[in-house]
Protein backbone atom coordinates (compact mmCIF):
# COMPACT_ATOMS: atom_id res chain seq x y z
CA MET A 1 0.00 0.00 0.00
CA ASN A 2 1.59 3.24 -1.12
CA THR A 3 -1.26 5.74 -1.36
CA ALA A 4 -4.69 6.54 0.06
CA GLU A 5 -6.13 5.25 -3.23
CA ASP A 6 -4.43 1.88 -2.59
CA ALA A 7 -5.96 1.78 0.90
CA HIS A 8 -9.41 2.46 -0.55
CA GLU A 9 -8.90 -0.46 -2.96
CA VAL A 10 -8.11 -2.76 -0.03
CA ILE A 11 -11.28 -1.66 1.76
CA ALA A 12 -13.36 -2.14 -1.37
CA ALA A 13 -12.02 -5.69 -1.75
CA VAL A 14 -13.01 -6.82 1.76
CA LYS A 15 -16.16 -4.86 2.61
CA TYR A 16 -19.63 -5.46 1.24
CA HIS A 17 -21.67 -2.82 -0.57
CA PRO A 18 -22.01 0.09 0.04
CA ALA A 19 -18.51 0.37 1.59
CA GLY A 20 -16.96 -2.08 -0.87
CA ARG A 21 -17.49 -4.59 -3.62
CA ARG A 22 -16.85 -7.92 -1.88
CA GLY A 23 -18.74 -10.79 -3.50
CA LEU A 24 -21.87 -11.93 -1.69
CA ALA A 25 -23.36 -15.40 -1.39
CA ALA A 26 -25.82 -16.74 1.18
CA GLY A 27 -25.75 -20.23 2.64
CA THR A 28 -21.96 -20.57 2.47
CA ARG A 29 -19.34 -21.31 5.11
CA ALA A 30 -18.24 -17.65 4.97
CA ALA A 31 -21.82 -16.65 5.76
CA LEU A 32 -21.90 -19.26 8.57
CA TYR A 33 -24.60 -21.04 6.60
CA ASP A 34 -27.07 -18.22 7.33
CA SER A 35 -26.66 -18.50 11.12
CA HIS A 36 -26.65 -14.70 11.44
CA GLY A 37 -30.29 -14.59 10.35
CA THR A 38 -30.88 -12.59 7.22
CA LEU A 39 -28.36 -11.86 4.51
CA ALA A 40 -28.40 -8.23 5.66
CA ASP A 41 -27.48 -9.44 9.17
CA HIS A 42 -24.57 -11.42 7.73
CA VAL A 43 -23.31 -8.40 5.76
CA LYS A 44 -23.46 -6.18 8.83
CA ALA A 45 -21.73 -8.76 11.07
CA ALA A 46 -19.02 -9.52 8.51
CA ASP A 47 -18.24 -5.85 7.84
CA GLU A 48 -18.03 -5.17 11.58
CA ALA A 49 -15.75 -8.18 12.19
CA THR A 50 -13.37 -7.52 9.31
CA LEU A 51 -9.93 -6.31 10.39
CA ILE A 52 -8.09 -4.31 7.77
CA ALA A 53 -4.32 -4.10 8.15
CA ILE A 54 -2.32 -2.42 5.44
CA GLN A 55 1.39 -2.92 4.83
CA LEU A 56 3.72 0.05 4.50
CA GLU A 57 6.82 -1.39 2.84
CA ASP A 58 8.00 1.29 0.45
CA GLN A 59 9.45 4.79 0.73
CA LEU A 60 6.43 6.03 -1.22
CA ALA A 61 4.08 4.65 1.47
CA ILE A 62 6.04 6.44 4.19
CA ASP A 63 6.06 9.68 2.17
CA ASN A 64 2.27 9.44 1.68
CA ILE A 65 1.29 8.24 5.16
CA ASP A 66 -0.78 11.28 6.21
CA GLU A 67 -3.75 10.67 3.88
CA PRO A 68 -4.21 6.95 4.64
CA LEU A 69 -4.15 7.74 8.37
CA GLU A 70 -7.40 9.65 7.83
CA ILE A 71 -9.22 6.60 6.42
CA GLU A 72 -11.45 5.25 9.20
CA ASP A 73 -11.88 1.70 7.88
CA VAL A 74 -8.15 0.90 8.14
CA ASP A 75 -7.56 -0.77 11.51
CA VAL A 76 -3.79 -1.36 11.53
CA PHE A 77 -0.89 0.33 9.76
CA PHE A 78 1.85 -2.32 9.60
CA ILE A 79 5.41 -1.34 8.65
CA GLY A 80 7.56 -3.99 6.98
CA PRO A 81 11.07 -2.87 7.97
CA ALA A 82 13.04 -5.22 5.68
CA ASP A 83 11.14 -4.28 2.52
CA LEU A 84 11.20 -0.62 3.55
CA SER A 85 14.97 -0.75 4.05
CA GLN A 86 15.38 -2.18 0.57
CA SER A 87 13.18 0.48 -1.02
CA MET A 88 15.19 3.17 0.76
CA GLY A 89 18.52 1.85 -0.56
CA TYR A 90 19.62 -0.02 2.58
CA PRO A 91 18.86 -3.67 1.71
CA ARG A 92 18.66 -5.99 4.73
CA ASN A 93 19.42 -3.08 7.06
CA PRO A 94 16.26 -1.75 8.72
CA LYS A 95 18.45 -0.29 11.47
CA ALA A 96 20.17 2.10 9.06
CA PRO A 97 19.62 5.57 10.54
CA ALA A 98 17.50 6.83 7.63
CA VAL A 99 15.24 3.77 7.78
CA ALA A 100 14.96 3.75 11.57
CA GLN A 101 14.09 7.46 11.54
CA ALA A 102 11.44 6.94 8.85
CA ILE A 103 9.88 4.15 10.89
CA GLU A 104 9.96 6.20 14.09
CA ARG A 105 8.44 9.25 12.34
CA SER A 106 5.71 7.04 10.88
CA PHE A 107 4.90 5.50 14.27
CA ARG A 108 4.68 8.96 15.84
CA LYS A 109 2.24 10.03 13.12
CA MET A 110 0.15 6.86 13.63
CA VAL A 111 -0.05 7.35 17.38
CA SER A 112 -0.80 11.07 16.98
CA ALA A 113 -3.66 10.17 14.65
CA ARG A 114 -4.86 7.59 17.21
CA ARG A 115 -4.28 4.75 14.78
CA THR A 116 -2.89 1.31 15.54
CA PRO A 117 0.72 0.77 14.42
CA GLY A 118 2.30 -2.59 13.81
CA THR A 119 5.63 -4.14 12.85
CA PRO A 120 7.24 -7.57 13.27
CA ALA A 121 8.51 -8.41 16.74
CA VAL A 122 12.02 -9.79 16.65
CA ALA A 123 14.01 -11.32 19.49
CA GLU A 124 17.64 -10.72 18.62
CA LYS A 125 18.98 -12.57 21.64
CA CYS A 126 16.82 -15.18 23.32
CA SER A 127 18.89 -16.25 26.32
């Protein structure tokens, strides 16, 4: 995900109409075989239960982070440090100062916007 437009495409792919364009079928496993009641009940329950996490793995995504942070339907903004380091010219080095600063700046923006940040947890030394 590099732009707000990309984030809107993700939302459209996983939400039902009117928020998105996800395919709809009743009586399926995804619809819990109609256990929610009506099809409208299923749509409402599924849209409410859907977690949308977008990956920020490119310098362009970091440069454009402000607009996606305003999109309510995105639940988690997940930074991929290894891919980001590569896109910034520091392959396999997410601790390079420029990369680390970009990640830190992005996290500050996420928290300021009251959005949920994410990144892989890594245990460098486990003893």
